[in-house]
PDB file of all heavy atoms in Angstrom:
ATOM      1  N   LEU A   1       2.680  38.088 -22.187  1.00  0.00           N
ATOM      2  CA  LEU A   1       2.740  39.482 -21.883  1.00  0.00           C
ATOM      3  C   LEU A   1       1.923  39.906 -20.579  1.00  0.00           C
ATOM      4  O   LEU A   1       2.523  40.505 -19.672  1.00  0.00           O
ATOM      5  CB  LEU A   1       2.377  40.435 -22.936  1.00  0.00           C
ATOM      6  CG  LEU A   1       2.298  41.878 -22.779  1.00  0.00           C
ATOM      7  CD1 LEU A   1       3.604  42.414 -22.482  1.00  0.00           C
ATOM      8  CD2 LEU A   1       1.602  42.545 -23.971  1.00  0.00           C
ATOM      9  N   LEU A   2       0.714  39.415 -20.500  1.00  0.00           N
ATOM     10  CA  LEU A   2      -0.057  39.524 -19.338  1.00  0.00           C
ATOM     11  C   LEU A   2       0.494  38.938 -18.120  1.00  0.00           C
ATOM     12  O   LEU A   2       0.609  39.495 -17.111  1.00  0.00           O
ATOM     13  CB  LEU A   2      -1.447  38.917 -19.596  1.00  0.00           C
ATOM     14  CG  LEU A   2      -2.535  39.250 -18.499  1.00  0.00           C
ATOM     15  CD1 LEU A   2      -2.750  40.601 -18.180  1.00  0.00           C
ATOM     16  CD2 LEU A   2      -3.773  38.466 -18.817  1.00  0.00           C
ATOM     17  N   GLU A   3       0.993  37.671 -18.235  1.00  0.00           N
ATOM     18  CA  GLU A   3       1.653  37.017 -17.020  1.00  0.00           C
ATOM     19  C   GLU A   3       2.902  37.605 -16.632  1.00  0.00           C
ATOM     20  O   GLU A   3       3.172  37.799 -15.470  1.00  0.00           O
ATOM     21  CB  GLU A   3       1.952  35.585 -17.445  1.00  0.00           C
ATOM     22  CG  GLU A   3       0.640  34.773 -17.564  1.00  0.00           C
ATOM     23  CD  GLU A   3       0.828  33.354 -18.208  1.00  0.00           C
ATOM     24  OE1 GLU A   3       2.029  33.085 -18.582  1.00  0.00           O
ATOM     25  OE2 GLU A   3      -0.038  32.608 -18.291  1.00  0.00           O
ATOM     26  N   ALA A   4       3.686  37.978 -17.573  1.00  0.00           N
ATOM     27  CA  ALA A   4       5.091  38.617 -17.221  1.00  0.00           C
ATOM     28  C   ALA A   4       5.137  40.144 -16.811  1.00  0.00           C
ATOM     29  O   ALA A   4       5.615  40.433 -15.728  1.00  0.00           O
ATOM     30  CB  ALA A   4       5.977  38.415 -18.445  1.00  0.00           C
ATOM     31  N   GLU A   5       4.223  40.842 -17.494  1.00  0.00           N
ATOM     32  CA  GLU A   5       4.382  42.368 -17.263  1.00  0.00           C
ATOM     33  C   GLU A   5       2.959  42.891 -16.813  1.00  0.00           C
ATOM     34  O   GLU A   5       2.842  44.209 -16.528  1.00  0.00           O
ATOM     35  CB  GLU A   5       4.748  43.028 -18.550  1.00  0.00           C
ATOM     36  CG  GLU A   5       6.280  42.771 -18.895  1.00  0.00           C
ATOM     37  CD  GLU A   5       7.185  43.387 -17.932  1.00  0.00           C
ATOM     38  OE1 GLU A   5       6.848  44.245 -17.160  1.00  0.00           O
ATOM     39  OE2 GLU A   5       8.423  43.081 -18.021  1.00  0.00           O
ATOM     40  N   GLY A   6       1.833  42.148 -16.808  1.00  0.00           N
ATOM     41  CA  GLY A   6       0.549  42.632 -16.317  1.00  0.00           C
ATOM     42  C   GLY A   6      -0.103  43.612 -17.378  1.00  0.00           C
ATOM     43  O   GLY A   6      -0.822  44.435 -17.021  1.00  0.00           O
ATOM     44  N   VAL A   7       0.234  43.338 -18.641  1.00  0.00           N
ATOM     45  CA  VAL A   7      -0.377  44.300 -19.753  1.00  0.00           C
ATOM     46  C   VAL A   7      -1.374  43.410 -20.445  1.00  0.00           C
ATOM     47  O   VAL A   7      -1.033  42.441 -21.090  1.00  0.00           O
ATOM     48  CB  VAL A   7       0.762  44.826 -20.692  1.00  0.00           C
ATOM     49  CG1 VAL A   7       0.172  45.769 -21.758  1.00  0.00           C
ATOM     50  CG2 VAL A   7       1.769  45.678 -19.851  1.00  0.00           C
ATOM     51  N   ALA A   8      -2.655  43.877 -20.355  1.00  0.00           N
ATOM     52  CA  ALA A   8      -3.669  43.153 -21.162  1.00  0.00           C
ATOM     53  C   ALA A   8      -4.047  43.818 -22.452  1.00  0.00           C
ATOM     54  O   ALA A   8      -4.330  44.996 -22.545  1.00  0.00           O
ATOM     55  CB  ALA A   8      -4.919  43.181 -20.341  1.00  0.00           C
ATOM     56  N   VAL A   9      -3.767  42.974 -23.552  1.00  0.00           N
ATOM     57  CA  VAL A   9      -4.137  43.439 -24.984  1.00  0.00           C
ATOM     58  C   VAL A   9      -4.738  42.239 -25.515  1.00  0.00           C
ATOM     59  O   VAL A   9      -4.956  41.182 -24.962  1.00  0.00           O
ATOM     60  CB  VAL A   9      -2.746  43.679 -25.739  1.00  0.00           C
ATOM     61  CG1 VAL A   9      -2.069  44.913 -25.054  1.00  0.00           C
ATOM     62  CG2 VAL A   9      -1.852  42.667 -25.811  1.00  0.00           C
ATOM     63  N   VAL A  10      -5.281  42.386 -26.736  1.00  0.00           N
ATOM     64  CA  VAL A  10      -6.067  41.287 -27.448  1.00  0.00           C
ATOM     65  C   VAL A  10      -5.321  40.684 -28.514  1.00  0.00           C
ATOM     66  O   VAL A  10      -4.821  41.527 -29.413  1.00  0.00           O
ATOM     67  CB  VAL A  10      -7.481  41.863 -27.884  1.00  0.00           C
ATOM     68  CG1 VAL A  10      -8.315  40.665 -28.383  1.00  0.00           C
ATOM     69  CG2 VAL A  10      -8.204  42.560 -26.686  1.00  0.00           C
ATOM     70  N   HIS A  11      -5.234  39.371 -28.625  1.00  0.00           N
ATOM     71  CA  HIS A  11      -4.597  38.857 -29.724  1.00  0.00           C
ATOM     72  C   HIS A  11      -5.209  38.945 -31.075  1.00  0.00           C
ATOM     73  O   HIS A  11      -6.456  38.941 -31.175  1.00  0.00           O
ATOM     74  CB  HIS A  11      -4.345  37.219 -29.477  1.00  0.00           C
ATOM     75  CG  HIS A  11      -5.539  36.584 -29.164  1.00  0.00           C
ATOM     76  ND1 HIS A  11      -6.208  36.722 -27.845  1.00  0.00           N
ATOM     77  CD2 HIS A  11      -6.383  35.730 -29.724  1.00  0.00           C
ATOM     78  CE1 HIS A  11      -7.293  36.000 -27.780  1.00  0.00           C
ATOM     79  NE2 HIS A  11      -7.414  35.306 -28.955  1.00  0.00           N
ATOM     80  N   GLY A  12      -4.480  39.068 -32.190  1.00  0.00           N
ATOM     81  CA  GLY A  12      -4.950  39.379 -33.580  1.00  0.00           C
ATOM     82  C   GLY A  12      -5.886  38.301 -34.026  1.00  0.00           C
ATOM     83  O   GLY A  12      -6.836  38.501 -34.879  1.00  0.00           O
ATOM     84  N   SER A  13      -5.455  37.035 -33.634  1.00  0.00           N
ATOM     85  CA  SER A  13      -6.240  35.882 -34.211  1.00  0.00           C
ATOM     86  C   SER A  13      -7.763  35.975 -33.832  1.00  0.00           C
ATOM     87  O   SER A  13      -8.638  35.392 -34.472  1.00  0.00           O
ATOM     88  CB  SER A  13      -5.658  34.561 -33.790  1.00  0.00           C
ATOM     89  OG  SER A  13      -5.460  34.469 -32.525  1.00  0.00           O
ATOM     90  N   ALA A  14      -8.026  36.635 -32.731  1.00  0.00           N
ATOM     91  CA  ALA A  14      -9.420  36.783 -32.376  1.00  0.00           C
ATOM     92  C   ALA A  14     -10.299  37.677 -33.314  1.00  0.00           C
ATOM     93  O   ALA A  14     -11.500  37.517 -33.380  1.00  0.00           O
ATOM     94  CB  ALA A  14      -9.469  37.496 -30.990  1.00  0.00           C
ATOM     95  N   PHE A  15      -9.448  38.489 -34.116  1.00  0.00           N
ATOM     96  CA  PHE A  15     -10.075  39.303 -35.069  1.00  0.00           C
ATOM     97  C   PHE A  15      -9.912  38.891 -36.476  1.00  0.00           C
ATOM     98  O   PHE A  15     -10.202  39.475 -37.404  1.00  0.00           O
ATOM     99  CB  PHE A  15      -9.432  40.774 -35.074  1.00  0.00           C
ATOM    100  CG  PHE A  15      -9.527  41.514 -33.754  1.00  0.00           C
ATOM    101  CD1 PHE A  15      -8.475  41.472 -32.812  1.00  0.00           C
ATOM    102  CD2 PHE A  15     -10.644  42.014 -33.238  1.00  0.00           C
ATOM    103  CE1 PHE A  15      -8.488  41.999 -31.556  1.00  0.00           C
ATOM    104  CE2 PHE A  15     -10.708  42.623 -32.018  1.00  0.00           C
ATOM    105  CZ  PHE A  15      -9.599  42.740 -31.190  1.00  0.00           C
ATOM    106  N   GLY A  16      -9.414  37.698 -36.581  1.00  0.00           N
ATOM    107  CA  GLY A  16      -9.283  36.989 -37.874  1.00  0.00           C
ATOM    108  C   GLY A  16      -8.128  37.159 -38.576  1.00  0.00           C
ATOM    109  O   GLY A  16      -7.980  36.789 -39.809  1.00  0.00           O
ATOM    110  N   LEU A  17      -7.075  37.877 -38.017  1.00  0.00           N
ATOM    111  CA  LEU A  17      -5.762  38.039 -38.755  1.00  0.00           C
ATOM    112  C   LEU A  17      -4.634  38.239 -37.727  1.00  0.00           C
ATOM    113  O   LEU A  17      -4.653  39.208 -36.914  1.00  0.00           O
ATOM    114  CB  LEU A  17      -6.052  39.300 -39.694  1.00  0.00           C
ATOM    115  CG  LEU A  17      -4.757  39.602 -40.544  1.00  0.00           C
ATOM    116  CD1 LEU A  17      -4.839  38.554 -41.758  1.00  0.00           C
ATOM    117  CD2 LEU A  17      -4.820  41.049 -41.101  1.00  0.00           C
ATOM    118  N   GLY A  18      -3.743  37.454 -37.918  1.00  0.00           N
ATOM    119  CA  GLY A  18      -2.456  37.491 -37.018  1.00  0.00           C
ATOM    120  C   GLY A  18      -1.349  37.344 -37.916  1.00  0.00           C
ATOM    121  O   GLY A  18      -1.448  37.287 -39.187  1.00  0.00           O
ATOM    122  N   ALA A  19      -0.023  37.434 -37.411  1.00  0.00           N
ATOM    123  CA  ALA A  19       0.299  37.547 -36.025  1.00  0.00           C
ATOM    124  C   ALA A  19       0.318  39.080 -35.546  1.00  0.00           C
ATOM    125  O   ALA A  19       1.297  39.634 -35.942  1.00  0.00           O
ATOM    126  CB  ALA A  19       1.604  36.866 -35.817  1.00  0.00           C
ATOM    127  N   ASN A  20      -0.782  39.456 -34.953  1.00  0.00           N
ATOM    128  CA  ASN A  20      -0.816  40.834 -34.504  1.00  0.00           C
ATOM    129  C   ASN A  20      -1.526  40.836 -33.171  1.00  0.00           C
ATOM    130  O   ASN A  20      -1.925  39.857 -32.646  1.00  0.00           O
ATOM    131  CB  ASN A  20      -1.744  41.637 -35.543  1.00  0.00           C
ATOM    132  CG  ASN A  20      -1.211  41.722 -36.844  1.00  0.00           C
ATOM    133  OD1 ASN A  20      -1.208  40.819 -37.695  1.00  0.00           O
ATOM    134  ND2 ASN A  20      -0.575  42.781 -37.207  1.00  0.00           N
ATOM    135  N   PHE A  21      -1.623  42.006 -32.605  1.00  0.00           N
ATOM    136  CA  PHE A  21      -2.383  42.161 -31.309  1.00  0.00           C
ATOM    137  C   PHE A  21      -2.992  43.714 -31.311  1.00  0.00           C
ATOM    138  O   PHE A  21      -2.416  44.545 -32.107  1.00  0.00           O
ATOM    139  CB  PHE A  21      -1.522  41.965 -30.068  1.00  0.00           C
ATOM    140  CG  PHE A  21      -0.360  42.814 -29.885  1.00  0.00           C
ATOM    141  CD1 PHE A  21      -0.456  43.925 -29.068  1.00  0.00           C
ATOM    142  CD2 PHE A  21       0.882  42.595 -30.566  1.00  0.00           C
ATOM    143  CE1 PHE A  21       0.718  44.704 -29.000  1.00  0.00           C
ATOM    144  CE2 PHE A  21       2.041  43.337 -30.414  1.00  0.00           C
ATOM    145  CZ  PHE A  21       2.028  44.448 -29.628  1.00  0.00           C
ATOM    146  N   ARG A  22      -4.079  43.799 -30.640  1.00  0.00           N
ATOM    147  CA  ARG A  22      -4.730  45.043 -30.638  1.00  0.00           C
ATOM    148  C   ARG A  22      -4.575  45.844 -29.281  1.00  0.00           C
ATOM    149  O   ARG A  22      -4.640  45.117 -28.200  1.00  0.00           O
ATOM    150  CB  ARG A  22      -6.217  44.942 -30.846  1.00  0.00           C
ATOM    151  CG  ARG A  22      -7.002  46.324 -31.014  1.00  0.00           C
ATOM    152  CD  ARG A  22      -8.443  46.180 -30.932  1.00  0.00           C
ATOM    153  NE  ARG A  22      -8.833  46.099 -29.537  1.00  0.00           N
ATOM    154  CZ  ARG A  22     -10.132  46.064 -29.127  1.00  0.00           C
ATOM    155  NH1 ARG A  22     -11.106  46.248 -30.043  1.00  0.00           N
ATOM    156  NH2 ARG A  22     -10.461  45.976 -27.787  1.00  0.00           N
ATOM    157  N   ILE A  23      -4.115  47.047 -29.449  1.00  0.00           N
ATOM    158  CA  ILE A  23      -4.102  47.782 -28.241  1.00  0.00           C
ATOM    159  C   ILE A  23      -5.121  49.024 -28.364  1.00  0.00           C
ATOM    160  O   ILE A  23      -5.156  49.645 -29.411  1.00  0.00           O
ATOM    161  CB  ILE A  23      -2.675  48.465 -28.067  1.00  0.00           C
ATOM    162  CG1 ILE A  23      -1.675  47.372 -27.506  1.00  0.00           C
ATOM    163  CG2 ILE A  23      -2.641  49.654 -27.118  1.00  0.00           C
ATOM    164  CD1 ILE A  23      -0.348  47.925 -27.346  1.00  0.00           C
ATOM    165  N   SER A  24      -5.857  49.243 -27.313  1.00  0.00           N
ATOM    166  CA  SER A  24      -6.612  50.454 -27.286  1.00  0.00           C
ATOM    167  C   SER A  24      -5.892  51.490 -26.579  1.00  0.00           C
ATOM    168  O   SER A  24      -5.510  51.339 -25.446  1.00  0.00           O
ATOM    169  CB  SER A  24      -8.008  50.149 -26.485  1.00  0.00           C
ATOM    170  OG  SER A  24      -8.726  51.323 -26.177  1.00  0.00           O
ATOM    171  N   TYR A  25      -5.802  52.734 -27.192  1.00  0.00           N
ATOM    172  CA  TYR A  25      -5.155  53.786 -26.572  1.00  0.00           C
ATOM    173  C   TYR A  25      -6.216  54.670 -25.996  1.00  0.00           C
ATOM    174  O   TYR A  25      -5.936  56.033 -25.837  1.00  0.00           O
ATOM    175  CB  TYR A  25      -4.190  54.519 -27.598  1.00  0.00           C
ATOM    176  CG  TYR A  25      -4.693  54.975 -28.936  1.00  0.00           C
ATOM    177  CD1 TYR A  25      -5.300  56.204 -29.055  1.00  0.00           C
ATOM    178  CD2 TYR A  25      -4.466  54.137 -30.030  1.00  0.00           C
ATOM    179  CE1 TYR A  25      -5.746  56.700 -30.319  1.00  0.00           C
ATOM    180  CE2 TYR A  25      -5.001  54.555 -31.268  1.00  0.00           C
ATOM    181  CZ  TYR A  25      -5.508  55.801 -31.418  1.00  0.00           C
ATOM    182  OH  TYR A  25      -5.998  56.314 -32.714  1.00  0.00           O
ATOM    183  N   ALA A  26      -7.447  54.237 -25.744  1.00  0.00           N
ATOM    184  CA  ALA A  26      -8.463  54.903 -25.019  1.00  0.00           C
ATOM    185  C   ALA A  26      -8.056  54.918 -23.515  1.00  0.00           C
ATOM    186  O   ALA A  26      -8.783  54.394 -22.536  1.00  0.00           O
ATOM    187  CB  ALA A  26      -9.770  54.557 -25.293  1.00  0.00           C
ATOM    188  N   ALA A  27      -6.912  55.356 -23.202  1.00  0.00           N
ATOM    189  CA  ALA A  27      -6.276  55.385 -21.716  1.00  0.00           C
ATOM    190  C   ALA A  27      -5.504  56.480 -21.613  1.00  0.00           C
ATOM    191  O   ALA A  27      -5.099  57.215 -22.555  1.00  0.00           O
ATOM    192  CB  ALA A  27      -5.539  54.082 -21.617  1.00  0.00           C
ATOM    193  N   SER A  28      -5.158  56.847 -20.310  1.00  0.00           N
ATOM    194  CA  SER A  28      -4.274  58.027 -20.000  1.00  0.00           C
ATOM    195  C   SER A  28      -2.970  57.935 -20.645  1.00  0.00           C
ATOM    196  O   SER A  28      -2.428  56.906 -20.874  1.00  0.00           O
ATOM    197  CB  SER A  28      -4.250  58.350 -18.618  1.00  0.00           C
ATOM    198  OG  SER A  28      -3.535  57.255 -17.855  1.00  0.00           O
ATOM    199  N   GLU A  29      -2.252  59.080 -20.801  1.00  0.00           N
ATOM    200  CA  GLU A  29      -0.911  59.107 -21.242  1.00  0.00           C
ATOM    201  C   GLU A  29       0.023  58.338 -20.308  1.00  0.00           C
ATOM    202  O   GLU A  29       0.963  57.676 -20.732  1.00  0.00           O
ATOM    203  CB  GLU A  29      -0.489  60.602 -21.339  1.00  0.00           C
ATOM    204  CG  GLU A  29       0.953  60.826 -21.982  1.00  0.00           C
ATOM    205  CD  GLU A  29       1.232  62.206 -22.182  1.00  0.00           C
ATOM    206  OE1 GLU A  29       0.302  62.998 -22.433  1.00  0.00           O
ATOM    207  OE2 GLU A  29       2.483  62.524 -22.110  1.00  0.00           O
ATOM    208  N   GLU A  30      -0.232  58.426 -18.993  1.00  0.00           N
ATOM    209  CA  GLU A  30       0.580  57.791 -18.021  1.00  0.00           C
ATOM    210  C   GLU A  30       0.528  56.241 -18.239  1.00  0.00           C
ATOM    211  O   GLU A  30       1.422  55.666 -18.141  1.00  0.00           O
ATOM    212  CB  GLU A  30       0.069  58.220 -16.612  1.00  0.00           C
ATOM    213  CG  GLU A  30       0.867  57.488 -15.529  1.00  0.00           C
ATOM    214  CD  GLU A  30       0.349  57.859 -14.095  1.00  0.00           C
ATOM    215  OE1 GLU A  30      -0.795  58.467 -13.991  1.00  0.00           O
ATOM    216  OE2 GLU A  30       0.904  57.504 -13.181  1.00  0.00           O
ATOM    217  N   ILE A  31      -0.774  55.743 -18.361  1.00  0.00           N
ATOM    218  CA  ILE A  31      -0.860  54.421 -18.539  1.00  0.00           C
ATOM    219  C   ILE A  31      -0.389  53.915 -19.905  1.00  0.00           C
ATOM    220  O   ILE A  31       0.360  52.869 -19.947  1.00  0.00           O
ATOM    221  CB  ILE A  31      -2.398  54.027 -18.533  1.00  0.00           C
ATOM    222  CG1 ILE A  31      -2.901  54.034 -17.099  1.00  0.00           C
ATOM    223  CG2 ILE A  31      -2.607  52.565 -19.057  1.00  0.00           C
ATOM    224  CD1 ILE A  31      -4.410  53.996 -16.872  1.00  0.00           C
ATOM    225  N   LEU A  32      -0.402  54.631 -20.863  1.00  0.00           N
ATOM    226  CA  LEU A  32       0.128  54.285 -22.165  1.00  0.00           C
ATOM    227  C   LEU A  32       1.654  54.293 -22.075  1.00  0.00           C
ATOM    228  O   LEU A  32       2.304  53.246 -22.678  1.00  0.00           O
ATOM    229  CB  LEU A  32      -0.359  55.196 -23.280  1.00  0.00           C
ATOM    230  CG  LEU A  32      -1.856  55.242 -23.636  1.00  0.00           C
ATOM    231  CD1 LEU A  32      -2.140  56.289 -24.666  1.00  0.00           C
ATOM    232  CD2 LEU A  32      -2.153  53.743 -24.190  1.00  0.00           C
ATOM    233  N   LYS A  33       2.249  55.186 -21.411  1.00  0.00           N
ATOM    234  CA  LYS A  33       3.670  55.195 -21.343  1.00  0.00           C
ATOM    235  C   LYS A  33       4.221  53.950 -20.567  1.00  0.00           C
ATOM    236  O   LYS A  33       5.083  53.307 -21.044  1.00  0.00           O
ATOM    237  CB  LYS A  33       4.169  56.429 -20.572  1.00  0.00           C
ATOM    238  CG  LYS A  33       4.141  57.757 -21.540  1.00  0.00           C
ATOM    239  CD  LYS A  33       4.698  59.005 -20.703  1.00  0.00           C
ATOM    240  CE  LYS A  33       4.721  60.224 -21.547  1.00  0.00           C
ATOM    241  NZ  LYS A  33       5.190  61.400 -20.788  1.00  0.00           N
ATOM    242  N   GLU A  34       3.554  53.649 -19.415  1.00  0.00           N
ATOM    243  CA  GLU A  34       3.978  52.573 -18.733  1.00  0.00           C
ATOM    244  C   GLU A  34       3.757  51.319 -19.415  1.00  0.00           C
ATOM    245  O   GLU A  34       4.516  50.315 -19.354  1.00  0.00           O
ATOM    246  CB  GLU A  34       3.207  52.612 -17.322  1.00  0.00           C
ATOM    247  CG  GLU A  34       3.423  51.356 -16.379  1.00  0.00           C
ATOM    248  CD  GLU A  34       4.862  51.339 -16.009  1.00  0.00           C
ATOM    249  OE1 GLU A  34       5.523  52.344 -16.011  1.00  0.00           O
ATOM    250  OE2 GLU A  34       5.275  50.176 -15.537  1.00  0.00           O
ATOM    251  N   GLY A  35       2.543  51.189 -20.173  1.00  0.00           N
ATOM    252  CA  GLY A  35       2.298  49.948 -20.903  1.00  0.00           C
ATOM    253  C   GLY A  35       3.311  49.774 -21.950  1.00  0.00           C
ATOM    254  O   GLY A  35       3.827  48.622 -22.327  1.00  0.00           O
ATOM    255  N   GLY A  36       3.647  50.912 -22.749  1.00  0.00           N
ATOM    256  CA  GLY A  36       4.639  50.781 -23.792  1.00  0.00           C
ATOM    257  C   GLY A  36       5.995  50.457 -23.267  1.00  0.00           C
ATOM    258  O   GLY A  36       6.634  49.502 -23.895  1.00  0.00           O
ATOM    259  N   ASN A  37       6.329  50.963 -22.095  1.00  0.00           N
ATOM    260  CA  ASN A  37       7.670  50.535 -21.601  1.00  0.00           C
ATOM    261  C   ASN A  37       7.682  49.093 -21.143  1.00  0.00           C
ATOM    262  O   ASN A  37       8.697  48.279 -21.306  1.00  0.00           O
ATOM    263  CB  ASN A  37       7.993  51.443 -20.285  1.00  0.00           C
ATOM    264  CG  ASN A  37       8.308  52.828 -20.709  1.00  0.00           C
ATOM    265  OD1 ASN A  37       8.747  53.089 -21.825  1.00  0.00           O
ATOM    266  ND2 ASN A  37       8.082  53.760 -19.710  1.00  0.00           N
ATOM    267  N   ARG A  38       6.557  48.592 -20.559  1.00  0.00           N
ATOM    268  CA  ARG A  38       6.513  47.166 -20.161  1.00  0.00           C
ATOM    269  C   ARG A  38       6.548  46.179 -21.325  1.00  0.00           C
ATOM    270  O   ARG A  38       7.284  45.194 -21.372  1.00  0.00           O
ATOM    271  CB  ARG A  38       5.191  46.902 -19.417  1.00  0.00           C
ATOM    272  CG  ARG A  38       5.049  47.559 -17.878  1.00  0.00           C
ATOM    273  CD  ARG A  38       3.902  47.070 -17.316  1.00  0.00           C
ATOM    274  NE  ARG A  38       3.726  47.745 -16.026  1.00  0.00           N
ATOM    275  CZ  ARG A  38       2.809  47.635 -15.083  1.00  0.00           C
ATOM    276  NH1 ARG A  38       2.099  46.480 -15.240  1.00  0.00           N
ATOM    277  NH2 ARG A  38       2.614  48.259 -14.020  1.00  0.00           N
ATOM    278  N   ILE A  39       6.057  46.592 -22.460  1.00  0.00           N
ATOM    279  CA  ILE A  39       5.961  45.927 -23.767  1.00  0.00           C
ATOM    280  C   ILE A  39       7.342  45.877 -24.144  1.00  0.00           C
ATOM    281  O   ILE A  39       7.975  44.792 -24.748  1.00  0.00           O
ATOM    282  CB  ILE A  39       4.954  46.405 -24.797  1.00  0.00           C
ATOM    283  CG1 ILE A  39       3.510  46.141 -24.257  1.00  0.00           C
ATOM    284  CG2 ILE A  39       5.163  45.807 -26.200  1.00  0.00           C
ATOM    285  CD1 ILE A  39       2.402  46.879 -25.161  1.00  0.00           C
ATOM    286  N   GLN A  40       7.985  46.912 -24.262  1.00  0.00           N
ATOM    287  CA  GLN A  40       9.434  46.960 -24.556  1.00  0.00           C
ATOM    288  C   GLN A  40      10.226  46.019 -23.757  1.00  0.00           C
ATOM    289  O   GLN A  40      11.111  45.271 -24.324  1.00  0.00           O
ATOM    290  CB  GLN A  40      10.082  48.441 -24.493  1.00  0.00           C
ATOM    291  CG  GLN A  40       9.478  49.440 -25.565  1.00  0.00           C
ATOM    292  CD  GLN A  40      10.034  50.791 -25.245  1.00  0.00           C
ATOM    293  OE1 GLN A  40      10.964  51.010 -24.531  1.00  0.00           O
ATOM    294  NE2 GLN A  40       9.351  51.800 -26.022  1.00  0.00           N
ATOM    295  N   ARG A  41      10.130  46.107 -22.400  1.00  0.00           N
ATOM    296  CA  ARG A  41      10.821  45.132 -21.551  1.00  0.00           C
ATOM    297  C   ARG A  41      10.576  43.790 -21.894  1.00  0.00           C
ATOM    298  O   ARG A  41      11.560  42.997 -21.846  1.00  0.00           O
ATOM    299  CB  ARG A  41      10.501  45.619 -20.192  1.00  0.00           C
ATOM    300  CG  ARG A  41      11.414  44.915 -19.096  1.00  0.00           C
ATOM    301  CD  ARG A  41      11.204  45.616 -17.780  1.00  0.00           C
ATOM    302  NE  ARG A  41       9.824  45.478 -17.222  1.00  0.00           N
ATOM    303  CZ  ARG A  41       9.217  46.405 -16.525  1.00  0.00           C
ATOM    304  NH1 ARG A  41       9.977  47.453 -16.122  1.00  0.00           N
ATOM    305  NH2 ARG A  41       8.028  46.276 -16.033  1.00  0.00           N
ATOM    306  N   PHE A  42       9.380  43.422 -22.062  1.00  0.00           N
ATOM    307  CA  PHE A  42       8.967  41.993 -22.371  1.00  0.00           C
ATOM    308  C   PHE A  42       9.645  41.472 -23.644  1.00  0.00           C
ATOM    309  O   PHE A  42      10.153  40.489 -23.690  1.00  0.00           O
ATOM    310  CB  PHE A  42       7.453  41.875 -22.417  1.00  0.00           C
ATOM    311  CG  PHE A  42       6.929  40.573 -22.830  1.00  0.00           C
ATOM    312  CD1 PHE A  42       7.076  39.508 -21.952  1.00  0.00           C
ATOM    313  CD2 PHE A  42       6.513  40.329 -24.077  1.00  0.00           C
ATOM    314  CE1 PHE A  42       6.587  38.168 -22.401  1.00  0.00           C
ATOM    315  CE2 PHE A  42       5.892  38.990 -24.468  1.00  0.00           C
ATOM    316  CZ  PHE A  42       6.146  38.002 -23.555  1.00  0.00           C
TER     317      PHE A  42
END
């Protein structure tokens, strides 16, 4: 995801439980919309 769309998130196995990933939504609405759209595309 990072390589293809430039969206940085954290893999769930780092937190001891996968297959998941963590997203922080402590970001602007604009960034979240763009990030969500890129994830959908990926």
